[in-house]
N, C-alpha and C. Protein backbone atom coordinates (compact mmCIF):
# COMPACT_ATOMS: atom_id res chain seq x y z
N MET A 1 -31.80 38.95 13.24
CA MET A 1 -32.99 39.60 12.71
C MET A 1 -33.61 40.49 13.79
N VAL A 2 -33.78 39.92 14.97
CA VAL A 2 -34.39 40.67 16.07
C VAL A 2 -33.49 41.84 16.44
N ALA A 3 -32.17 41.61 16.39
CA ALA A 3 -31.23 42.67 16.73
C ALA A 3 -31.38 43.85 15.77
N VAL A 4 -31.61 43.56 14.50
CA VAL A 4 -31.79 44.63 13.51
C VAL A 4 -33.02 45.46 13.87
N LEU A 5 -34.12 44.80 14.18
CA LEU A 5 -35.34 45.52 14.54
C LEU A 5 -35.14 46.32 15.82
N GLU A 6 -34.47 45.73 16.80
CA GLU A 6 -34.22 46.44 18.06
C GLU A 6 -33.35 47.66 17.80
N ASP A 7 -32.33 47.51 16.97
CA ASP A 7 -31.46 48.65 16.64
C ASP A 7 -32.25 49.76 15.96
N LEU A 8 -33.14 49.40 15.05
CA LEU A 8 -33.94 50.42 14.36
C LEU A 8 -34.87 51.14 15.33
N VAL A 9 -35.52 50.39 16.20
CA VAL A 9 -36.41 51.02 17.19
C VAL A 9 -35.59 51.90 18.12
N ASN A 10 -34.43 51.42 18.54
CA ASN A 10 -33.58 52.22 19.43
C ASN A 10 -33.10 53.50 18.74
N SER A 11 -32.76 53.42 17.47
CA SER A 11 -32.30 54.63 16.78
C SER A 11 -33.44 55.63 16.62
N LEU A 12 -34.66 55.14 16.39
CA LEU A 12 -35.81 56.04 16.32
C LEU A 12 -36.06 56.68 17.68
N TYR A 13 -35.97 55.87 18.72
CA TYR A 13 -36.16 56.38 20.08
C TYR A 13 -35.10 57.43 20.40
N ASP A 14 -33.84 57.13 20.08
CA ASP A 14 -32.75 58.08 20.33
C ASP A 14 -32.96 59.37 19.55
N MET A 15 -33.42 59.24 18.31
CA MET A 15 -33.67 60.43 17.50
C MET A 15 -34.68 61.35 18.18
N ILE A 16 -35.73 60.76 18.70
CA ILE A 16 -36.77 61.55 19.36
C ILE A 16 -36.23 62.12 20.67
N GLN A 17 -35.49 61.31 21.42
CA GLN A 17 -34.94 61.77 22.70
C GLN A 17 -33.97 62.94 22.50
N GLU A 18 -33.18 62.87 21.44
CA GLU A 18 -32.14 63.87 21.21
C GLU A 18 -32.64 65.07 20.38
N ALA A 19 -33.88 65.04 19.97
CA ALA A 19 -34.40 66.12 19.12
C ALA A 19 -34.48 67.43 19.91
N ARG A 20 -34.29 68.52 19.19
CA ARG A 20 -34.40 69.84 19.82
C ARG A 20 -35.86 70.13 20.13
N SER A 21 -36.06 70.80 21.26
CA SER A 21 -37.42 71.17 21.65
C SER A 21 -37.90 72.34 20.79
N VAL A 22 -39.20 72.36 20.57
CA VAL A 22 -39.81 73.49 19.88
C VAL A 22 -39.83 74.66 20.87
N PRO A 23 -39.47 75.86 20.44
CA PRO A 23 -39.47 77.00 21.37
C PRO A 23 -40.84 77.14 22.07
N LEU A 24 -40.79 77.42 23.35
CA LEU A 24 -41.96 77.63 24.20
C LEU A 24 -42.78 76.36 24.39
N SER A 25 -42.18 75.20 24.20
CA SER A 25 -42.90 73.94 24.39
C SER A 25 -41.94 72.90 24.93
N ALA A 26 -42.29 72.33 26.07
CA ALA A 26 -41.43 71.31 26.67
C ALA A 26 -41.70 69.93 26.08
N GLU A 27 -42.88 69.71 25.54
CA GLU A 27 -43.28 68.39 25.06
C GLU A 27 -43.04 68.18 23.56
N LYS A 28 -43.00 69.24 22.80
CA LYS A 28 -42.84 69.10 21.35
C LYS A 28 -41.36 69.19 20.98
N CYS A 29 -41.04 68.49 19.87
CA CYS A 29 -39.67 68.52 19.40
C CYS A 29 -39.66 68.50 17.87
N MET A 30 -38.50 68.81 17.32
CA MET A 30 -38.34 68.78 15.87
C MET A 30 -37.39 67.63 15.53
N ILE A 31 -37.83 66.79 14.59
CA ILE A 31 -36.97 65.70 14.12
C ILE A 31 -36.95 65.73 12.60
N ASP A 32 -35.99 65.04 12.06
CA ASP A 32 -35.88 64.90 10.61
C ASP A 32 -36.94 63.88 10.17
N ARG A 33 -38.01 64.39 9.59
CA ARG A 33 -39.14 63.54 9.19
C ARG A 33 -38.69 62.43 8.24
N GLU A 34 -37.89 62.79 7.26
CA GLU A 34 -37.45 61.82 6.26
C GLU A 34 -36.64 60.70 6.90
N LYS A 35 -35.76 61.07 7.84
CA LYS A 35 -34.95 60.05 8.52
C LYS A 35 -35.84 59.14 9.37
N ALA A 36 -36.82 59.73 10.07
CA ALA A 36 -37.74 58.93 10.90
C ALA A 36 -38.56 57.98 10.01
N LEU A 37 -39.04 58.49 8.89
CA LEU A 37 -39.81 57.64 7.98
C LEU A 37 -38.94 56.54 7.38
N ASP A 38 -37.68 56.85 7.09
CA ASP A 38 -36.76 55.82 6.58
C ASP A 38 -36.58 54.70 7.60
N ILE A 39 -36.42 55.07 8.86
CA ILE A 39 -36.27 54.06 9.91
C ILE A 39 -37.53 53.21 10.01
N LEU A 40 -38.69 53.85 9.98
CA LEU A 40 -39.95 53.11 10.05
C LEU A 40 -40.11 52.19 8.83
N ASP A 41 -39.67 52.65 7.66
CA ASP A 41 -39.72 51.79 6.47
C ASP A 41 -38.81 50.57 6.64
N GLU A 42 -37.63 50.77 7.22
CA GLU A 42 -36.72 49.64 7.45
C GLU A 42 -37.34 48.65 8.43
N ILE A 43 -38.01 49.16 9.45
CA ILE A 43 -38.69 48.28 10.42
C ILE A 43 -39.75 47.47 9.69
N ARG A 44 -40.53 48.14 8.88
CA ARG A 44 -41.58 47.47 8.12
C ARG A 44 -40.99 46.41 7.18
N THR A 45 -39.85 46.72 6.58
CA THR A 45 -39.19 45.79 5.67
C THR A 45 -38.66 44.56 6.41
N ASN A 46 -38.12 44.75 7.59
CA ASN A 46 -37.53 43.64 8.35
C ASN A 46 -38.57 42.78 9.05
N MET A 47 -39.75 43.30 9.33
CA MET A 47 -40.78 42.52 10.02
C MET A 47 -41.16 41.27 9.22
N PRO A 48 -41.40 41.38 7.91
CA PRO A 48 -41.77 40.18 7.16
C PRO A 48 -40.68 39.10 7.21
N LYS A 49 -39.42 39.48 7.41
CA LYS A 49 -38.36 38.48 7.50
C LYS A 49 -38.58 37.59 8.72
N ASP A 50 -39.03 38.18 9.84
CA ASP A 50 -39.35 37.38 11.02
C ASP A 50 -40.49 36.42 10.71
N LEU A 51 -41.48 36.91 10.00
CA LEU A 51 -42.61 36.06 9.64
C LEU A 51 -42.16 34.95 8.69
N GLU A 52 -41.29 35.29 7.76
CA GLU A 52 -40.78 34.30 6.82
C GLU A 52 -39.97 33.24 7.56
N MET A 53 -39.22 33.66 8.58
CA MET A 53 -38.45 32.71 9.37
C MET A 53 -39.39 31.74 10.08
N ALA A 54 -40.51 32.23 10.60
CA ALA A 54 -41.50 31.36 11.25
C ALA A 54 -42.07 30.37 10.24
N ARG A 55 -42.37 30.85 9.04
CA ARG A 55 -42.88 29.95 8.00
C ARG A 55 -41.84 28.87 7.66
N ALA A 56 -40.58 29.27 7.59
CA ALA A 56 -39.51 28.31 7.27
C ALA A 56 -39.41 27.24 8.36
N ILE A 57 -39.59 27.64 9.61
CA ILE A 57 -39.54 26.67 10.71
C ILE A 57 -40.68 25.67 10.57
N VAL A 58 -41.87 26.17 10.26
CA VAL A 58 -43.03 25.28 10.09
C VAL A 58 -42.78 24.34 8.91
N GLU A 59 -42.25 24.87 7.83
CA GLU A 59 -41.98 24.05 6.65
C GLU A 59 -40.92 22.98 6.96
N LYS A 60 -39.88 23.38 7.69
CA LYS A 60 -38.83 22.43 8.07
C LYS A 60 -39.41 21.33 8.94
N ARG A 61 -40.31 21.69 9.85
CA ARG A 61 -40.96 20.70 10.72
C ARG A 61 -41.72 19.69 9.85
N SER A 62 -42.47 20.20 8.89
CA SER A 62 -43.24 19.31 8.00
C SER A 62 -42.31 18.38 7.23
N GLU A 63 -41.20 18.91 6.77
CA GLU A 63 -40.24 18.08 6.03
C GLU A 63 -39.66 16.99 6.94
N LEU A 64 -39.33 17.36 8.18
CA LEU A 64 -38.76 16.38 9.10
C LEU A 64 -39.77 15.30 9.46
N VAL A 65 -41.02 15.69 9.66
CA VAL A 65 -42.06 14.71 9.97
C VAL A 65 -42.24 13.77 8.77
N ALA A 66 -42.29 14.34 7.57
CA ALA A 66 -42.44 13.51 6.36
C ALA A 66 -41.25 12.57 6.20
N ALA A 67 -40.05 13.06 6.47
CA ALA A 67 -38.86 12.21 6.37
C ALA A 67 -38.92 11.09 7.41
N GLY A 68 -39.39 11.40 8.60
CA GLY A 68 -39.53 10.37 9.64
C GLY A 68 -40.54 9.31 9.24
N LYS A 69 -41.66 9.74 8.67
CA LYS A 69 -42.67 8.78 8.21
C LYS A 69 -42.13 7.93 7.07
N LYS A 70 -41.41 8.56 6.15
CA LYS A 70 -40.84 7.81 5.03
C LYS A 70 -39.83 6.79 5.53
N GLU A 71 -39.00 7.20 6.47
CA GLU A 71 -38.01 6.27 7.02
C GLU A 71 -38.70 5.09 7.71
N ALA A 72 -39.76 5.38 8.47
CA ALA A 72 -40.51 4.30 9.13
C ALA A 72 -41.13 3.37 8.09
N ASP A 73 -41.71 3.94 7.04
CA ASP A 73 -42.29 3.11 5.97
C ASP A 73 -41.22 2.27 5.28
N ASP A 74 -40.07 2.89 5.00
CA ASP A 74 -38.98 2.14 4.37
C ASP A 74 -38.52 0.98 5.25
N LEU A 75 -38.38 1.25 6.53
CA LEU A 75 -37.98 0.19 7.45
C LEU A 75 -39.02 -0.92 7.50
N ARG A 76 -40.29 -0.53 7.50
CA ARG A 76 -41.37 -1.51 7.52
C ARG A 76 -41.33 -2.37 6.25
N HIS A 77 -41.17 -1.71 5.11
CA HIS A 77 -41.12 -2.45 3.84
C HIS A 77 -39.92 -3.40 3.80
N ARG A 78 -38.78 -2.93 4.28
CA ARG A 78 -37.60 -3.80 4.31
C ARG A 78 -37.84 -4.99 5.24
N ALA A 79 -38.48 -4.72 6.36
CA ALA A 79 -38.78 -5.81 7.31
C ALA A 79 -39.73 -6.81 6.67
N GLU A 80 -40.76 -6.31 6.00
CA GLU A 80 -41.71 -7.20 5.34
C GLU A 80 -41.04 -8.02 4.24
N GLU A 81 -40.17 -7.37 3.49
CA GLU A 81 -39.45 -8.08 2.43
C GLU A 81 -38.54 -9.15 3.02
N TYR A 82 -37.92 -8.80 4.10
CA TYR A 82 -37.06 -9.77 4.78
C TYR A 82 -37.86 -10.99 5.22
N VAL A 83 -39.04 -10.74 5.75
CA VAL A 83 -39.90 -11.84 6.20
C VAL A 83 -40.29 -12.72 5.01
N ARG A 84 -40.67 -12.12 3.90
CA ARG A 84 -41.07 -12.90 2.72
C ARG A 84 -39.94 -13.79 2.20
N LYS A 85 -38.72 -13.29 2.25
CA LYS A 85 -37.58 -14.05 1.72
C LYS A 85 -37.17 -15.21 2.61
N THR A 86 -37.52 -15.13 3.87
CA THR A 86 -37.06 -16.17 4.80
C THR A 86 -38.15 -17.13 5.23
N VAL A 87 -39.21 -17.24 4.43
CA VAL A 87 -40.33 -18.10 4.78
C VAL A 87 -40.11 -19.52 4.24
N ASN A 88 -38.97 -20.10 4.45
CA ASN A 88 -38.70 -21.45 3.95
C ASN A 88 -39.03 -22.51 5.00
N GLU A 89 -38.72 -22.25 6.20
CA GLU A 89 -38.96 -23.21 7.26
C GLU A 89 -39.70 -22.52 8.39
N SER A 90 -40.43 -23.30 9.16
CA SER A 90 -41.25 -22.70 10.21
C SER A 90 -40.41 -22.00 11.28
N ALA A 91 -39.25 -22.55 11.61
CA ALA A 91 -38.39 -21.89 12.60
C ALA A 91 -37.88 -20.57 12.06
N MET A 92 -37.51 -20.59 10.78
CA MET A 92 -37.03 -19.36 10.16
C MET A 92 -38.15 -18.33 10.08
N VAL A 93 -39.35 -18.80 9.79
CA VAL A 93 -40.50 -17.89 9.70
C VAL A 93 -40.74 -17.23 11.05
N ALA A 94 -40.72 -18.02 12.10
CA ALA A 94 -40.96 -17.47 13.44
C ALA A 94 -39.89 -16.44 13.80
N GLU A 95 -38.63 -16.76 13.52
CA GLU A 95 -37.54 -15.84 13.83
C GLU A 95 -37.63 -14.57 12.98
N ALA A 96 -37.93 -14.76 11.71
CA ALA A 96 -38.07 -13.60 10.82
C ALA A 96 -39.20 -12.69 11.27
N GLN A 97 -40.32 -13.28 11.65
CA GLN A 97 -41.45 -12.48 12.11
C GLN A 97 -41.08 -11.70 13.37
N LYS A 98 -40.38 -12.37 14.26
CA LYS A 98 -39.95 -11.70 15.50
C LYS A 98 -39.04 -10.52 15.18
N GLN A 99 -38.06 -10.75 14.31
CA GLN A 99 -37.14 -9.67 13.94
C GLN A 99 -37.87 -8.54 13.21
N ALA A 100 -38.77 -8.90 12.34
CA ALA A 100 -39.53 -7.88 11.61
C ALA A 100 -40.35 -7.04 12.57
N ASP A 101 -40.98 -7.70 13.52
CA ASP A 101 -41.78 -6.97 14.51
C ASP A 101 -40.90 -6.03 15.33
N GLU A 102 -39.71 -6.50 15.69
CA GLU A 102 -38.78 -5.66 16.45
C GLU A 102 -38.33 -4.47 15.61
N ILE A 103 -38.03 -4.72 14.35
CA ILE A 103 -37.61 -3.63 13.46
C ILE A 103 -38.73 -2.61 13.30
N VAL A 104 -39.94 -3.10 13.07
CA VAL A 104 -41.09 -2.20 12.91
C VAL A 104 -41.33 -1.42 14.19
N ALA A 105 -41.29 -2.12 15.33
CA ALA A 105 -41.51 -1.44 16.62
C ALA A 105 -40.43 -0.40 16.86
N SER A 106 -39.19 -0.76 16.56
CA SER A 106 -38.08 0.18 16.72
C SER A 106 -38.24 1.38 15.79
N ALA A 107 -38.61 1.12 14.55
CA ALA A 107 -38.80 2.21 13.58
C ALA A 107 -39.94 3.12 14.01
N GLU A 108 -41.03 2.52 14.47
CA GLU A 108 -42.16 3.33 14.92
C GLU A 108 -41.78 4.14 16.15
N GLN A 109 -41.01 3.54 17.05
CA GLN A 109 -40.57 4.26 18.24
C GLN A 109 -39.64 5.41 17.85
N GLN A 110 -38.70 5.14 16.94
CA GLN A 110 -37.80 6.19 16.48
C GLN A 110 -38.57 7.30 15.78
N ALA A 111 -39.54 6.93 14.96
CA ALA A 111 -40.34 7.93 14.25
C ALA A 111 -41.14 8.76 15.25
N ALA A 112 -41.70 8.12 16.26
CA ALA A 112 -42.48 8.85 17.27
C ALA A 112 -41.57 9.80 18.05
N GLN A 113 -40.38 9.33 18.40
CA GLN A 113 -39.44 10.19 19.11
C GLN A 113 -39.02 11.37 18.23
N LEU A 114 -38.77 11.10 16.97
CA LEU A 114 -38.38 12.15 16.03
C LEU A 114 -39.51 13.17 15.87
N ARG A 115 -40.74 12.67 15.69
CA ARG A 115 -41.88 13.59 15.56
C ARG A 115 -42.03 14.43 16.82
N SER A 116 -41.88 13.82 17.97
CA SER A 116 -42.01 14.53 19.24
C SER A 116 -40.93 15.60 19.37
N ALA A 117 -39.69 15.23 19.07
CA ALA A 117 -38.58 16.18 19.17
C ALA A 117 -38.74 17.32 18.17
N VAL A 118 -39.12 16.98 16.96
CA VAL A 118 -39.32 18.00 15.93
C VAL A 118 -40.47 18.93 16.31
N GLY A 119 -41.55 18.34 16.80
CA GLY A 119 -42.69 19.15 17.22
C GLY A 119 -42.32 20.11 18.34
N LYS A 120 -41.58 19.63 19.33
CA LYS A 120 -41.17 20.49 20.45
C LYS A 120 -40.24 21.59 19.95
N TYR A 121 -39.25 21.21 19.12
CA TYR A 121 -38.31 22.19 18.59
C TYR A 121 -39.04 23.28 17.81
N CYS A 122 -39.92 22.86 16.93
CA CYS A 122 -40.66 23.84 16.12
C CYS A 122 -41.55 24.70 16.99
N SER A 123 -42.21 24.09 17.94
CA SER A 123 -43.08 24.85 18.84
C SER A 123 -42.27 25.88 19.63
N ASP A 124 -41.11 25.46 20.15
CA ASP A 124 -40.26 26.39 20.89
C ASP A 124 -39.79 27.54 20.01
N LYS A 125 -39.35 27.22 18.80
CA LYS A 125 -38.85 28.27 17.90
C LYS A 125 -39.98 29.20 17.47
N LEU A 126 -41.15 28.65 17.22
CA LEU A 126 -42.29 29.49 16.84
C LEU A 126 -42.69 30.38 18.01
N SER A 127 -42.64 29.86 19.22
CA SER A 127 -42.97 30.66 20.40
C SER A 127 -41.97 31.80 20.56
N GLU A 128 -40.69 31.49 20.37
CA GLU A 128 -39.67 32.53 20.46
C GLU A 128 -39.88 33.59 19.38
N THR A 129 -40.13 33.14 18.18
CA THR A 129 -40.34 34.08 17.07
C THR A 129 -41.59 34.92 17.31
N GLU A 130 -42.65 34.27 17.78
CA GLU A 130 -43.90 34.98 18.06
C GLU A 130 -43.69 36.02 19.15
N ALA A 131 -43.00 35.65 20.22
CA ALA A 131 -42.76 36.58 21.32
C ALA A 131 -41.90 37.75 20.85
N CYS A 132 -40.89 37.44 20.06
CA CYS A 132 -40.01 38.49 19.55
C CYS A 132 -40.76 39.43 18.62
N ALA A 133 -41.54 38.85 17.72
CA ALA A 133 -42.31 39.67 16.78
C ALA A 133 -43.33 40.52 17.52
N ALA A 134 -43.98 39.94 18.54
CA ALA A 134 -44.97 40.68 19.31
C ALA A 134 -44.31 41.82 20.08
N ALA A 135 -43.16 41.53 20.69
CA ALA A 135 -42.45 42.56 21.45
C ALA A 135 -41.99 43.68 20.52
N THR A 136 -41.49 43.31 19.38
CA THR A 136 -41.03 44.32 18.42
C THR A 136 -42.20 45.15 17.93
N LEU A 137 -43.31 44.50 17.60
CA LEU A 137 -44.48 45.22 17.13
C LEU A 137 -45.02 46.14 18.22
N ASP A 138 -45.07 45.66 19.46
CA ASP A 138 -45.51 46.51 20.57
C ASP A 138 -44.60 47.72 20.73
N GLU A 139 -43.29 47.49 20.61
CA GLU A 139 -42.34 48.59 20.74
C GLU A 139 -42.52 49.60 19.61
N VAL A 140 -42.71 49.11 18.41
CA VAL A 140 -42.93 50.00 17.26
C VAL A 140 -44.21 50.81 17.47
N ARG A 141 -45.28 50.16 17.90
CA ARG A 141 -46.53 50.87 18.13
C ARG A 141 -46.38 51.91 19.23
N LYS A 142 -45.66 51.55 20.29
CA LYS A 142 -45.44 52.49 21.39
C LYS A 142 -44.65 53.70 20.90
N ARG A 143 -43.59 53.43 20.16
CA ARG A 143 -42.75 54.53 19.66
C ARG A 143 -43.53 55.39 18.65
N ARG A 144 -44.33 54.75 17.84
CA ARG A 144 -45.12 55.50 16.87
C ARG A 144 -46.13 56.39 17.58
N ALA A 145 -46.77 55.85 18.62
CA ALA A 145 -47.73 56.64 19.38
C ALA A 145 -47.03 57.83 20.04
N GLN A 146 -45.84 57.59 20.59
CA GLN A 146 -45.08 58.69 21.19
C GLN A 146 -44.71 59.72 20.13
N PHE A 147 -44.31 59.22 18.98
CA PHE A 147 -43.92 60.10 17.89
C PHE A 147 -45.11 60.94 17.44
N GLU A 148 -46.26 60.27 17.24
CA GLU A 148 -47.45 61.00 16.80
C GLU A 148 -47.94 61.97 17.86
N GLN A 149 -47.87 61.57 19.12
CA GLN A 149 -48.28 62.47 20.20
C GLN A 149 -47.36 63.69 20.25
N ALA A 150 -46.08 63.45 20.04
CA ALA A 150 -45.13 64.55 20.06
C ALA A 150 -45.40 65.50 18.89
N ASN A 151 -45.79 64.97 17.76
CA ASN A 151 -46.07 65.81 16.59
C ASN A 151 -47.38 66.58 16.72
N ARG A 152 -48.33 66.05 17.49
CA ARG A 152 -49.61 66.75 17.68
C ARG A 152 -49.47 67.96 18.60
N GLN A 153 -48.52 67.89 19.46
CA GLN A 153 -48.41 68.95 20.48
C GLN A 153 -47.62 70.11 20.01
């Protein structure tokens, strides 16, 4: 996605660089307006895809966190059910409680690790997407300003 935007910005930049100069002017040039506008339209079209990708990452993070919570709840319920079924003798009750506590602790630890890993992954990907989108937007604004300045002169 980023490569597409970079290619579009580069082609617009190349178009301006390679444009013929206006006679008696070193700063002004002539470019194919329609082609330049088409490139800018493609840039505009591809930008929302980056934003959609960021939204998808956030949504995936939410799904993973929910799945982790559900798995922890399922493990807890299974542990509780196991404890209820084995409450026949005091020794069995003590052992069942110990195992249930270990299962719950393990599930909670796994869920916490999963949430932490998912949070870091999503944060990293969102940071990358944000930096890429910001760099692309800055480049587009810079090229547009150069383009407009060239057209004013």
